[in-house]
Amino acid sequence: MKKIVFICLLAPVLSHAAPVTLILTNGDRLQGDLLERNQETLSIKHQLLGEMIIKTNTVSEIKTDYEALAQQTPSEGENTIQPAPESAEIAQVEPEDNGLLGTGWLTDWERRFDLGLAGSRGKSHNSQVNVAFNADLATEKTRINSRTGYFYAKSEEETSDNSFFTSINRDWLQPETPWFRFAGGRFEIDRFKDYDYRVNANGGFGYEFANTDDFLFVGRSGVGFNKTFGGERQEFTPEGLLGLESRWRINDAQRLALANTFYPSFDSFDAYRNVTSFDWILDLDERAGVALKVGMTNEYDSETEEEISKNDFKYTLSLSWSL
């Protein structure tokens, strides 16, 4: 801190750049000549990268040669004000990822926790709670999506929804080709289905129609099974998989995700499931990692018992936090 204050006091009398070493908050070091400093930024000239502007909140310590700095006092008549560089590179320093809640678990994953509460009182009494944890990993050779959620709803003092699910899908990417392999699975419990709980798994091949920093559009084709336990329906169903999914970063604050997957049964020509999902995320405070999330899912199951709706539609409005 004393070194930073020293440089701040001495900066107005600098006419030549002073050699410094910046120690960033993530442990990296940058060496160069100090050109200018104010409360928000540092301007240095790096030997290889040229002129750079560094935010002061990303710098933990500044080391400099005090003797060399003292020798660089301006002579009479020299201009003591250093002009700001017109075109300088801005160094974006990412904060270090210490994993989920600092535990080191799921390091380098995108982790979010969602919480939604809704209700009404008056002519009708309704309440709804949904919580979810999502974790995504994307590297050159791997793409993993993990989803876990719980839904509870009550209407007129009667429970209308009480369900839990957890799922994971992994893509094995091949950088030299848009083709990839995938495998996934899902476990769920639902008190208002004609089964107690269900397990399904699948695998196959996919194709990336588009994959950029802002837009992803892929197709999937594969095989798997659907197994239900308990209740009136205890079945093992081999099934196929045909799916499309898209993710679009509209701008720095908005993201969209849309997917539709069709599961035809291999036991019966007219039996199938169809699952559609939609998510819209709006960042409210990027620094705090808070966002507004609107989500909708619907599963149509042709084999559901007649007294139960074949459509299982859920919608959520929740706050989402980066963890």
C-alpha atoms as a PDB file:
ATOM      1  CA  MET A   1       0.000   0.000   0.000  1.00  0.00           C
ATOM      2  CA  LYS A   2       2.876   2.384   0.813  1.00  0.00           C
ATOM      3  CA  LYS A   3       4.336   1.738  -2.623  1.00  0.00           C
ATOM      4  CA  ILE A   4       1.058   2.573  -4.330  1.00  0.00           C
ATOM      5  CA  VAL A   5       0.701   5.809  -2.325  1.00  0.00           C
ATOM      6  CA  PHE A   6       4.338   6.697  -3.151  1.00  0.00           C
ATOM      7  CA  ILE A   7       3.697   6.324  -6.865  1.00  0.00           C
ATOM      8  CA  CYS A   8       0.452   8.315  -6.639  1.00  0.00           C
ATOM      9  CA  LEU A   9       2.282  11.227  -4.966  1.00  0.00           C
ATOM     10  CA  LEU A  10       5.191  11.101  -7.372  1.00  0.00           C
ATOM     11  CA  ALA A  11       3.172  10.584 -10.575  1.00  0.00           C
ATOM     12  CA  PRO A  12       2.570  14.317 -11.292  1.00  0.00           C
ATOM     13  CA  VAL A  13       6.325  14.927 -11.631  1.00  0.00           C
ATOM     14  CA  LEU A  14       7.013  12.035 -13.974  1.00  0.00           C
ATOM     15  CA  SER A  15       7.970  12.906 -17.504  1.00  0.00           C
ATOM     16  CA  HIS A  16       9.439   9.533 -18.407  1.00  0.00           C
ATOM     17  CA  ALA A  17       8.028   6.054 -17.845  1.00  0.00           C
ATOM     18  CA  ALA A  18       9.133   4.287 -14.655  1.00  0.00           C
ATOM     19  CA  PRO A  19       9.884   0.536 -14.655  1.00  0.00           C
ATOM     20  CA  VAL A  20       7.362  -1.334 -12.502  1.00  0.00           C
ATOM     21  CA  THR A  21       6.132  -4.855 -11.796  1.00  0.00           C
ATOM     22  CA  LEU A  22       2.373  -5.253 -11.241  1.00  0.00           C
ATOM     23  CA  ILE A  23       1.240  -8.192  -9.123  1.00  0.00           C
ATOM     24  CA  LEU A  24      -2.389  -8.946 -10.033  1.00  0.00           C
ATOM     25  CA  THR A  25      -5.020 -10.327  -7.691  1.00  0.00           C
ATOM     26  CA  ASN A  26      -4.891 -13.711  -9.455  1.00  0.00           C
ATOM     27  CA  GLY A  27      -1.123 -13.979  -8.858  1.00  0.00           C
ATOM     28  CA  ASP A  28      -0.010 -13.044 -12.375  1.00  0.00           C
ATOM     29  CA  ARG A  29       2.803 -10.503 -12.882  1.00  0.00           C
ATOM     30  CA  LEU A  30       3.129  -7.830 -15.536  1.00  0.00           C
ATOM     31  CA  GLN A  31       6.383  -5.918 -16.101  1.00  0.00           C
ATOM     32  CA  GLY A  32       6.558  -2.678 -17.994  1.00  0.00           C
ATOM     33  CA  ASP A  33       7.048   1.073 -17.853  1.00  0.00           C
ATOM     34  CA  LEU A  34       4.498   3.053 -15.867  1.00  0.00           C
ATOM     35  CA  LEU A  35       2.984   5.737 -18.108  1.00  0.00           C
ATOM     36  CA  GLU A  36       0.076   7.068 -16.099  1.00  0.00           C
ATOM     37  CA  ARG A  37      -1.988   6.262 -13.022  1.00  0.00           C
ATOM     38  CA  ASN A  38      -5.262   7.503 -11.583  1.00  0.00           C
ATOM     39  CA  GLN A  39      -7.739   6.152  -9.051  1.00  0.00           C
ATOM     40  CA  GLU A  40      -9.337   3.735 -11.524  1.00  0.00           C
ATOM     41  CA  THR A  41      -6.643   2.631 -13.979  1.00  0.00           C
ATOM     42  CA  LEU A  42      -2.930   2.109 -14.519  1.00  0.00           C
ATOM     43  CA  SER A  43      -1.303   2.644 -17.895  1.00  0.00           C
ATOM     44  CA  ILE A  44       1.903   0.697 -18.605  1.00  0.00           C
ATOM     45  CA  LYS A  45       3.999  -0.091 -21.674  1.00  0.00           C
ATOM     46  CA  HIS A  46       4.755  -3.812 -21.954  1.00  0.00           C
ATOM     47  CA  GLN A  47       7.765  -4.948 -24.000  1.00  0.00           C
ATOM     48  CA  LEU A  48       5.710  -7.436 -26.055  1.00  0.00           C
ATOM     49  CA  LEU A  49       2.067  -6.394 -25.638  1.00  0.00           C
ATOM     50  CA  GLY A  50       2.593  -2.657 -26.053  1.00  0.00           C
ATOM     51  CA  GLU A  51       0.566  -0.087 -24.151  1.00  0.00           C
ATOM     52  CA  MET A  52      -1.970  -1.581 -21.741  1.00  0.00           C
ATOM     53  CA  ILE A  53      -4.593  -0.171 -19.389  1.00  0.00           C
ATOM     54  CA  ILE A  54      -5.105  -2.138 -16.172  1.00  0.00           C
ATOM     55  CA  LYS A  55      -7.930  -1.593 -13.690  1.00  0.00           C
ATOM     56  CA  THR A  56      -6.535  -0.756 -10.246  1.00  0.00           C
ATOM     57  CA  ASN A  57      -8.957  -3.112  -8.501  1.00  0.00           C
ATOM     58  CA  THR A  58      -7.221  -6.025 -10.248  1.00  0.00           C
ATOM     59  CA  VAL A  59      -3.782  -5.014  -8.874  1.00  0.00           C
ATOM     60  CA  SER A  60      -2.769  -6.212  -5.417  1.00  0.00           C
ATOM     61  CA  GLU A  61       0.789  -4.778  -5.334  1.00  0.00           C
ATOM     62  CA  ILE A  62       3.096  -2.506  -7.337  1.00  0.00           C
ATOM     63  CA  LYS A  63       6.850  -2.993  -7.193  1.00  0.00           C
ATOM     64  CA  THR A  64       9.209  -0.409  -8.646  1.00  0.00           C
ATOM     65  CA  ASP A  65      12.861   0.695  -8.597  1.00  0.00           C
ATOM     66  CA  TYR A  66      12.734   3.763  -6.368  1.00  0.00           C
ATOM     67  CA  GLU A  67      16.218   4.928  -7.369  1.00  0.00           C
ATOM     68  CA  ALA A  68      15.390   4.764 -11.067  1.00  0.00           C
ATOM     69  CA  LEU A  69      12.088   6.490 -10.382  1.00  0.00           C
ATOM     70  CA  ALA A  70      13.811   9.347  -8.502  1.00  0.00           C
ATOM     71  CA  GLN A  71      16.201   9.903 -11.415  1.00  0.00           C
ATOM     72  CA  GLN A  72      13.327  10.410 -13.810  1.00  0.00           C
ATOM     73  CA  THR A  73      12.319  13.854 -12.477  1.00  0.00           C
ATOM     74  CA  PRO A  74      11.480  16.315 -15.242  1.00  0.00           C
ATOM     75  CA  SER A  75      13.827  19.036 -16.371  1.00  0.00           C
ATOM     76  CA  GLU A  76      12.662  22.631 -16.633  1.00  0.00           C
ATOM     77  CA  GLY A  77      10.404  23.321 -19.539  1.00  0.00           C
ATOM     78  CA  GLU A  78       9.403  19.717 -20.073  1.00  0.00           C
ATOM     79  CA  ASN A  79       5.761  18.841 -20.151  1.00  0.00           C
ATOM     80  CA  THR A  80       4.958  17.073 -16.879  1.00  0.00           C
ATOM     81  CA  ILE A  81       1.587  15.716 -17.971  1.00  0.00           C
ATOM     82  CA  GLN A  82       1.630  12.398 -19.744  1.00  0.00           C
ATOM     83  CA  PRO A  83      -1.052  12.099 -22.420  1.00  0.00           C
ATOM     84  CA  ALA A  84      -3.329   9.106 -22.149  1.00  0.00           C
ATOM     85  CA  PRO A  85      -2.624   6.515 -24.824  1.00  0.00           C
ATOM     86  CA  GLU A  86      -5.124   6.829 -27.632  1.00  0.00           C
ATOM     87  CA  SER A  87      -5.296   3.162 -28.493  1.00  0.00           C
ATOM     88  CA  ALA A  88      -4.278   0.859 -25.664  1.00  0.00           C
ATOM     89  CA  GLU A  89      -5.148  -2.731 -25.033  1.00  0.00           C
ATOM     90  CA  ILE A  90      -7.374  -3.322 -22.037  1.00  0.00           C
ATOM     91  CA  ALA A  91      -6.330  -6.307 -19.968  1.00  0.00           C
ATOM     92  CA  GLN A  92      -9.305  -8.273 -18.708  1.00  0.00           C
ATOM     93  CA  VAL A  93      -8.274 -10.155 -15.602  1.00  0.00           C
ATOM     94  CA  GLU A  94     -10.706 -12.916 -14.626  1.00  0.00           C
ATOM     95  CA  PRO A  95     -11.105 -13.582 -10.886  1.00  0.00           C
ATOM     96  CA  GLU A  96      -9.747 -16.879  -9.677  1.00  0.00           C
ATOM     97  CA  ASP A  97     -12.346 -19.667  -9.505  1.00  0.00           C
ATOM     98  CA  ASN A  98     -12.184 -21.505  -6.187  1.00  0.00           C
ATOM     99  CA  GLY A  99     -15.060 -23.850  -7.002  1.00  0.00           C
ATOM    100  CA  LEU A 100     -18.523 -24.140  -5.493  1.00  0.00           C
ATOM    101  CA  LEU A 101     -18.660 -21.900  -2.395  1.00  0.00           C
ATOM    102  CA  GLY A 102     -14.855 -21.947  -2.236  1.00  0.00           C
ATOM    103  CA  THR A 103     -14.676 -25.736  -1.783  1.00  0.00           C
ATOM    104  CA  GLY A 104     -12.711 -26.410  -4.979  1.00  0.00           C
ATOM    105  CA  TRP A 105     -15.564 -28.617  -6.265  1.00  0.00           C
ATOM    106  CA  LEU A 106     -16.815 -27.927  -9.817  1.00  0.00           C
ATOM    107  CA  THR A 107     -13.940 -25.529 -10.513  1.00  0.00           C
ATOM    108  CA  ASP A 108     -14.250 -23.835 -13.940  1.00  0.00           C
ATOM    109  CA  TRP A 109     -17.933 -24.832 -14.197  1.00  0.00           C
ATOM    110  CA  GLU A 110     -20.721 -22.274 -14.594  1.00  0.00           C
ATOM    111  CA  ARG A 111     -22.785 -22.797 -11.436  1.00  0.00           C
ATOM    112  CA  ARG A 112     -26.202 -21.261 -10.689  1.00  0.00           C
ATOM    113  CA  PHE A 113     -28.796 -21.595  -7.949  1.00  0.00           C
ATOM    114  CA  ASP A 114     -32.415 -20.684  -8.733  1.00  0.00           C
ATOM    115  CA  LEU A 115     -35.156 -19.819  -6.245  1.00  0.00           C
ATOM    116  CA  GLY A 116     -38.721 -18.964  -7.172  1.00  0.00           C
ATOM    117  CA  LEU A 117     -41.643 -18.154  -4.881  1.00  0.00           C
ATOM    118  CA  ALA A 118     -45.183 -17.285  -5.957  1.00  0.00           C
ATOM    119  CA  GLY A 119     -48.589 -17.135  -4.315  1.00  0.00           C
ATOM    120  CA  SER A 120     -51.941 -15.437  -4.113  1.00  0.00           C
ATOM    121  CA  ARG A 121     -54.490 -14.807  -1.378  1.00  0.00           C
ATOM    122  CA  GLY A 122     -58.055 -13.646  -1.886  1.00  0.00           C
ATOM    123  CA  LYS A 123     -60.771 -15.495  -3.749  1.00  0.00           C
ATOM    124  CA  SER A 124     -58.249 -18.292  -4.179  1.00  0.00           C
ATOM    125  CA  HIS A 125     -55.256 -19.449  -2.174  1.00  0.00           C
ATOM    126  CA  ASN A 126     -52.274 -20.565  -4.243  1.00  0.00           C
ATOM    127  CA  SER A 127     -48.575 -20.969  -3.558  1.00  0.00           C
ATOM    128  CA  GLN A 128     -45.622 -22.272  -5.527  1.00  0.00           C
ATOM    129  CA  VAL A 129     -41.972 -22.952  -4.730  1.00  0.00           C
ATOM    130  CA  ASN A 130     -39.229 -24.047  -7.089  1.00  0.00           C
ATOM    131  CA  VAL A 131     -35.516 -24.466  -6.391  1.00  0.00           C
ATOM    132  CA  ALA A 132     -32.857 -25.610  -8.836  1.00  0.00           C
ATOM    133  CA  PHE A 133     -29.116 -26.057  -9.160  1.00  0.00           C
ATOM    134  CA  ASN A 134     -27.510 -25.999 -12.596  1.00  0.00           C
ATOM    135  CA  ALA A 135     -23.878 -26.689 -13.473  1.00  0.00           C
ATOM    136  CA  ASP A 136     -22.345 -26.460 -16.955  1.00  0.00           C
ATOM    137  CA  LEU A 137     -18.849 -27.170 -18.228  1.00  0.00           C
ATOM    138  CA  ALA A 138     -17.587 -26.369 -21.716  1.00  0.00           C
ATOM    139  CA  THR A 139     -14.071 -27.156 -22.929  1.00  0.00           C
ATOM    140  CA  GLU A 140     -12.563 -27.931 -26.311  1.00  0.00           C
ATOM    141  CA  LYS A 141     -13.343 -31.647 -25.975  1.00  0.00           C
ATOM    142  CA  THR A 142     -16.128 -31.850 -23.387  1.00  0.00           C
ATOM    143  CA  ARG A 143     -19.547 -30.300 -22.810  1.00  0.00           C
ATOM    144  CA  ILE A 144     -21.477 -31.261 -19.653  1.00  0.00           C
ATOM    145  CA  ASN A 145     -24.898 -30.039 -18.509  1.00  0.00           C
ATOM    146  CA  SER A 146     -26.251 -30.956 -15.085  1.00  0.00           C
ATOM    147  CA  ARG A 147     -29.734 -30.020 -13.823  1.00  0.00           C
ATOM    148  CA  THR A 148     -31.408 -30.622 -10.448  1.00  0.00           C
ATOM    149  CA  GLY A 149     -34.775 -29.174  -9.450  1.00  0.00           C
ATOM    150  CA  TYR A 150     -37.662 -29.402  -7.002  1.00  0.00           C
ATOM    151  CA  PHE A 151     -41.226 -28.135  -7.560  1.00  0.00           C
ATOM    152  CA  TYR A 152     -43.998 -27.718  -5.036  1.00  0.00           C
ATOM    153  CA  ALA A 153     -47.394 -26.136  -5.610  1.00  0.00           C
ATOM    154  CA  LYS A 154     -50.542 -25.810  -3.516  1.00  0.00           C
ATOM    155  CA  SER A 155     -53.991 -24.662  -4.555  1.00  0.00           C
ATOM    156  CA  GLU A 156     -56.913 -24.188  -2.165  1.00  0.00           C
ATOM    157  CA  GLU A 157     -55.000 -26.021   0.572  1.00  0.00           C
ATOM    158  CA  GLU A 158     -54.534 -29.012  -1.740  1.00  0.00           C
ATOM    159  CA  THR A 159     -51.094 -29.998  -2.998  1.00  0.00           C
ATOM    160  CA  SER A 160     -51.082 -29.927  -6.810  1.00  0.00           C
ATOM    161  CA  ASP A 161     -47.387 -30.550  -7.532  1.00  0.00           C
ATOM    162  CA  ASN A 162     -44.617 -32.247  -5.601  1.00  0.00           C
ATOM    163  CA  SER A 163     -41.788 -33.435  -7.832  1.00  0.00           C
ATOM    164  CA  PHE A 164     -37.999 -33.731  -7.933  1.00  0.00           C
ATOM    165  CA  PHE A 165     -35.563 -34.519 -10.730  1.00  0.00           C
ATOM    166  CA  THR A 166     -31.837 -34.650 -11.412  1.00  0.00           C
ATOM    167  CA  SER A 167     -30.224 -35.121 -14.809  1.00  0.00           C
ATOM    168  CA  ILE A 168     -26.846 -34.997 -16.503  1.00  0.00           C
ATOM    169  CA  ASN A 169     -25.734 -35.060 -20.131  1.00  0.00           C
ATOM    170  CA  ARG A 170     -22.205 -35.239 -21.498  1.00  0.00           C
ATOM    171  CA  ASP A 171     -20.969 -34.555 -25.020  1.00  0.00           C
ATOM    172  CA  TRP A 172     -17.612 -35.867 -26.226  1.00  0.00           C
ATOM    173  CA  LEU A 173     -16.530 -33.265 -28.777  1.00  0.00           C
ATOM    174  CA  GLN A 174     -14.124 -33.618 -31.679  1.00  0.00           C
ATOM    175  CA  PRO A 175     -12.576 -30.224 -32.541  1.00  0.00           C
ATOM    176  CA  GLU A 176     -11.752 -31.313 -36.088  1.00  0.00           C
ATOM    177  CA  THR A 177     -15.378 -32.236 -36.929  1.00  0.00           C
ATOM    178  CA  PRO A 178     -18.906 -31.055 -35.971  1.00  0.00           C
ATOM    179  CA  TRP A 179     -19.888 -34.633 -35.058  1.00  0.00           C
ATOM    180  CA  PHE A 180     -19.851 -35.692 -31.397  1.00  0.00           C
ATOM    181  CA  ARG A 181     -20.936 -38.522 -29.126  1.00  0.00           C
ATOM    182  CA  PHE A 182     -23.241 -38.066 -26.130  1.00  0.00           C
ATOM    183  CA  ALA A 183     -24.715 -39.928 -23.171  1.00  0.00           C
ATOM    184  CA  GLY A 184     -27.189 -38.815 -20.539  1.00  0.00           C
ATOM    185  CA  GLY A 185     -29.536 -39.891 -17.815  1.00  0.00           C
ATOM    186  CA  ARG A 186     -32.345 -38.615 -15.605  1.00  0.00           C
ATOM    187  CA  PHE A 187     -33.968 -39.662 -12.326  1.00  0.00           C
ATOM    188  CA  GLU A 188     -37.261 -38.217 -11.114  1.00  0.00           C
ATOM    189  CA  ILE A 189     -39.900 -38.579  -8.423  1.00  0.00           C
ATOM    190  CA  ASP A 190     -43.433 -37.265  -8.910  1.00  0.00           C
ATOM    191  CA  ARG A 191     -46.322 -37.828  -6.491  1.00  0.00           C
ATOM    192  CA  PHE A 192     -48.909 -36.967  -9.136  1.00  0.00           C
ATOM    193  CA  LYS A 193     -47.910 -39.461 -11.815  1.00  0.00           C
ATOM    194  CA  ASP A 194     -49.065 -43.018 -12.364  1.00  0.00           C
ATOM    195  CA  TYR A 195     -45.648 -44.189 -11.131  1.00  0.00           C
ATOM    196  CA  ASP A 196     -43.594 -43.449  -8.011  1.00  0.00           C
ATOM    197  CA  TYR A 197     -40.291 -42.721  -9.708  1.00  0.00           C
ATOM    198  CA  ARG A 198     -38.685 -43.041 -13.124  1.00  0.00           C
ATOM    199  CA  VAL A 199     -35.215 -43.579 -14.591  1.00  0.00           C
ATOM    200  CA  ASN A 200     -34.213 -43.045 -18.182  1.00  0.00           C
ATOM    201  CA  ALA A 201     -30.877 -43.075 -19.985  1.00  0.00           C
ATOM    202  CA  ASN A 202     -29.765 -42.658 -23.570  1.00  0.00           C
ATOM    203  CA  GLY A 203     -26.765 -42.220 -25.828  1.00  0.00           C
ATOM    204  CA  GLY A 204     -25.919 -41.619 -29.455  1.00  0.00           C
ATOM    205  CA  PHE A 205     -24.442 -39.154 -31.892  1.00  0.00           C
ATOM    206  CA  GLY A 206     -24.926 -35.436 -32.379  1.00  0.00           C
ATOM    207  CA  TYR A 207     -24.062 -32.788 -34.943  1.00  0.00           C
ATOM    208  CA  GLU A 208     -23.208 -29.120 -34.402  1.00  0.00           C
ATOM    209  CA  PHE A 209     -24.982 -27.067 -37.060  1.00  0.00           C
ATOM    210  CA  ALA A 210     -23.547 -23.889 -35.492  1.00  0.00           C
ATOM    211  CA  ASN A 211     -21.128 -23.304 -32.634  1.00  0.00           C
ATOM    212  CA  THR A 212     -19.864 -19.782 -31.942  1.00  0.00           C
ATOM    213  CA  ASP A 213     -19.219 -17.781 -28.796  1.00  0.00           C
ATOM    214  CA  ASP A 214     -22.805 -16.475 -28.892  1.00  0.00           C
ATOM    215  CA  PHE A 215     -24.817 -19.209 -30.624  1.00  0.00           C
ATOM    216  CA  LEU A 216     -25.037 -22.993 -30.405  1.00  0.00           C
ATOM    217  CA  PHE A 217     -27.397 -25.176 -32.441  1.00  0.00           C
ATOM    218  CA  VAL A 218     -27.090 -28.967 -32.309  1.00  0.00           C
ATOM    219  CA  GLY A 219     -29.063 -32.035 -33.278  1.00  0.00           C
ATOM    220  CA  ARG A 220     -29.071 -35.427 -31.547  1.00  0.00           C
ATOM    221  CA  SER A 221     -30.043 -38.960 -32.490  1.00  0.00           C
ATOM    222  CA  GLY A 222     -29.742 -42.048 -30.329  1.00  0.00           C
ATOM    223  CA  VAL A 223     -31.362 -44.855 -28.361  1.00  0.00           C
ATOM    224  CA  GLY A 224     -32.115 -45.489 -24.702  1.00  0.00           C
ATOM    225  CA  PHE A 225     -34.720 -46.723 -22.263  1.00  0.00           C
ATOM    226  CA  ASN A 226     -37.390 -45.461 -19.899  1.00  0.00           C
ATOM    227  CA  LYS A 227     -38.112 -47.435 -16.673  1.00  0.00           C
ATOM    228  CA  THR A 228     -40.917 -46.622 -14.238  1.00  0.00           C
ATOM    229  CA  PHE A 229     -41.269 -48.023 -10.725  1.00  0.00           C
ATOM    230  CA  GLY A 230     -44.211 -48.271  -8.333  1.00  0.00           C
ATOM    231  CA  GLY A 231     -47.763 -47.009  -8.669  1.00  0.00           C
ATOM    232  CA  GLU A 232     -50.061 -48.245 -11.409  1.00  0.00           C
ATOM    233  CA  ARG A 233     -47.364 -48.205 -14.037  1.00  0.00           C
ATOM    234  CA  GLN A 234     -44.276 -50.383 -13.835  1.00  0.00           C
ATOM    235  CA  GLU A 235     -42.790 -50.627 -17.301  1.00  0.00           C
ATOM    236  CA  PHE A 236     -39.504 -50.935 -19.123  1.00  0.00           C
ATOM    237  CA  THR A 237     -39.649 -49.193 -22.496  1.00  0.00           C
ATOM    238  CA  PRO A 238     -36.814 -49.156 -25.041  1.00  0.00           C
ATOM    239  CA  GLU A 239     -37.030 -45.942 -27.007  1.00  0.00           C
ATOM    240  CA  GLY A 240     -35.282 -43.812 -29.579  1.00  0.00           C
ATOM    241  CA  LEU A 241     -34.201 -40.184 -29.330  1.00  0.00           C
ATOM    242  CA  LEU A 242     -34.412 -37.331 -31.816  1.00  0.00           C
ATOM    243  CA  GLY A 243     -33.653 -33.856 -30.514  1.00  0.00           C
ATOM    244  CA  LEU A 244     -32.776 -30.274 -31.356  1.00  0.00           C
ATOM    245  CA  GLU A 245     -31.413 -27.687 -28.964  1.00  0.00           C
ATOM    246  CA  SER A 246     -30.217 -24.125 -29.244  1.00  0.00           C
ATOM    247  CA  ARG A 247     -28.507 -21.620 -26.959  1.00  0.00           C
ATOM    248  CA  TRP A 248     -28.238 -17.962 -27.877  1.00  0.00           C
ATOM    249  CA  ARG A 249     -26.438 -15.161 -26.047  1.00  0.00           C
ATOM    250  CA  ILE A 250     -28.458 -12.193 -27.297  1.00  0.00           C
ATOM    251  CA  ASN A 251     -26.189  -9.630 -25.658  1.00  0.00           C
ATOM    252  CA  ASP A 252     -24.084  -9.235 -22.522  1.00  0.00           C
ATOM    253  CA  ALA A 253     -27.204  -9.351 -20.313  1.00  0.00           C
ATOM    254  CA  GLN A 254     -29.606 -11.798 -22.021  1.00  0.00           C
ATOM    255  CA  ARG A 255     -29.478 -15.501 -22.879  1.00  0.00           C
ATOM    256  CA  LEU A 256     -31.978 -17.933 -24.388  1.00  0.00           C
ATOM    257  CA  ALA A 257     -32.054 -21.734 -24.346  1.00  0.00           C
ATOM    258  CA  LEU A 258     -34.579 -23.847 -26.242  1.00  0.00           C
ATOM    259  CA  ALA A 259     -34.731 -27.627 -26.657  1.00  0.00           C
ATOM    260  CA  ASN A 260     -37.170 -30.233 -27.954  1.00  0.00           C
ATOM    261  CA  THR A 261     -36.599 -33.990 -27.723  1.00  0.00           C
ATOM    262  CA  PHE A 262     -38.826 -36.714 -29.182  1.00  0.00           C
ATOM    263  CA  TYR A 263     -38.673 -40.232 -27.666  1.00  0.00           C
ATOM    264  CA  PRO A 264     -40.492 -42.818 -29.862  1.00  0.00           C
ATOM    265  CA  SER A 265     -41.182 -46.171 -28.193  1.00  0.00           C
ATOM    266  CA  PHE A 266     -39.754 -49.313 -29.795  1.00  0.00           C
ATOM    267  CA  ASP A 267     -42.568 -51.393 -28.220  1.00  0.00           C
ATOM    268  CA  SER A 268     -45.477 -49.614 -29.861  1.00  0.00           C
ATOM    269  CA  PHE A 269     -45.626 -47.498 -33.007  1.00  0.00           C
ATOM    270  CA  ASP A 270     -48.078 -44.944 -31.534  1.00  0.00           C
ATOM    271  CA  ALA A 271     -46.405 -44.611 -28.100  1.00  0.00           C
ATOM    272  CA  TYR A 272     -43.971 -41.759 -27.500  1.00  0.00           C
ATOM    273  CA  ARG A 273     -42.815 -38.972 -25.217  1.00  0.00           C
ATOM    274  CA  ASN A 274     -42.010 -35.402 -26.221  1.00  0.00           C
ATOM    275  CA  VAL A 275     -40.132 -32.985 -23.943  1.00  0.00           C
ATOM    276  CA  THR A 276     -39.866 -29.238 -24.615  1.00  0.00           C
ATOM    277  CA  SER A 277     -37.975 -26.701 -22.507  1.00  0.00           C
ATOM    278  CA  PHE A 278     -37.387 -22.956 -22.690  1.00  0.00           C
ATOM    279  CA  ASP A 279     -35.255 -20.664 -20.502  1.00  0.00           C
ATOM    280  CA  TRP A 280     -34.667 -16.915 -20.660  1.00  0.00           C
ATOM    281  CA  ILE A 281     -32.062 -15.354 -18.365  1.00  0.00           C
ATOM    282  CA  LEU A 282     -31.628 -11.623 -17.780  1.00  0.00           C
ATOM    283  CA  ASP A 283     -28.600 -10.492 -15.763  1.00  0.00           C
ATOM    284  CA  LEU A 284     -29.638  -7.933 -13.151  1.00  0.00           C
ATOM    285  CA  ASP A 285     -26.284  -7.391 -11.430  1.00  0.00           C
ATOM    286  CA  GLU A 286     -23.290  -8.914 -13.182  1.00  0.00           C
ATOM    287  CA  ARG A 287     -20.865  -8.165 -10.339  1.00  0.00           C
ATOM    288  CA  ALA A 288     -23.138  -9.851  -7.768  1.00  0.00           C
ATOM    289  CA  GLY A 289     -24.040 -12.648 -10.193  1.00  0.00           C
ATOM    290  CA  VAL A 290     -27.809 -12.092  -9.830  1.00  0.00           C
ATOM    291  CA  ALA A 291     -30.177 -12.748 -12.720  1.00  0.00           C
ATOM    292  CA  LEU A 292     -33.886 -13.082 -13.448  1.00  0.00           C
ATOM    293  CA  LYS A 293     -34.862 -16.406 -14.992  1.00  0.00           C
ATOM    294  CA  VAL A 294     -38.074 -17.422 -16.741  1.00  0.00           C
ATOM    295  CA  GLY A 295     -38.424 -21.118 -17.492  1.00  0.00           C
ATOM    296  CA  MET A 296     -41.041 -23.391 -19.046  1.00  0.00           C
ATOM    297  CA  THR A 297     -41.069 -27.164 -19.574  1.00  0.00           C
ATOM    298  CA  ASN A 298     -43.660 -29.547 -20.904  1.00  0.00           C
ATOM    299  CA  GLU A 299     -43.595 -33.330 -21.265  1.00  0.00           C
ATOM    300  CA  TYR A 300     -46.228 -35.137 -23.269  1.00  0.00           C
ATOM    301  CA  ASP A 301     -46.449 -38.871 -22.500  1.00  0.00           C
ATOM    302  CA  SER A 302     -48.888 -40.825 -24.642  1.00  0.00           C
ATOM    303  CA  GLU A 303     -48.853 -43.790 -22.219  1.00  0.00           C
ATOM    304  CA  THR A 304     -50.084 -41.842 -19.160  1.00  0.00           C
ATOM    305  CA  GLU A 305     -53.255 -43.249 -17.577  1.00  0.00           C
ATOM    306  CA  GLU A 306     -56.516 -41.697 -18.779  1.00  0.00           C
ATOM    307  CA  GLU A 307     -57.394 -40.026 -15.451  1.00  0.00           C
ATOM    308  CA  ILE A 308     -54.071 -38.119 -15.466  1.00  0.00           C
ATOM    309  CA  SER A 309     -53.216 -35.359 -17.946  1.00  0.00           C
ATOM    310  CA  LYS A 310     -50.815 -36.496 -20.626  1.00  0.00           C
ATOM    311  CA  ASN A 311     -49.190 -33.041 -20.557  1.00  0.00           C
ATOM    312  CA  ASP A 312     -47.017 -32.111 -17.597  1.00  0.00           C
ATOM    313  CA  PHE A 313     -46.481 -28.356 -17.938  1.00  0.00           C
ATOM    314  CA  LYS A 314     -44.374 -26.370 -15.488  1.00  0.00           C
ATOM    315  CA  TYR A 315     -43.407 -22.707 -15.516  1.00  0.00           C
ATOM    316  CA  THR A 316     -41.001 -20.888 -13.225  1.00  0.00           C
ATOM    317  CA  LEU A 317     -40.116 -17.287 -12.458  1.00  0.00           C
ATOM    318  CA  SER A 318     -37.086 -17.162 -10.230  1.00  0.00           C
ATOM    319  CA  LEU A 319     -33.983 -15.295  -9.151  1.00  0.00           C
ATOM    320  CA  SER A 320     -30.731 -16.965 -10.111  1.00  0.00           C
ATOM    321  CA  TRP A 321     -27.380 -16.570  -8.359  1.00  0.00           C
ATOM    322  CA  SER A 322     -23.916 -17.512  -9.617  1.00  0.00           C
ATOM    323  CA  LEU A 323     -22.122 -19.665  -7.045  1.00  0.00           C
END
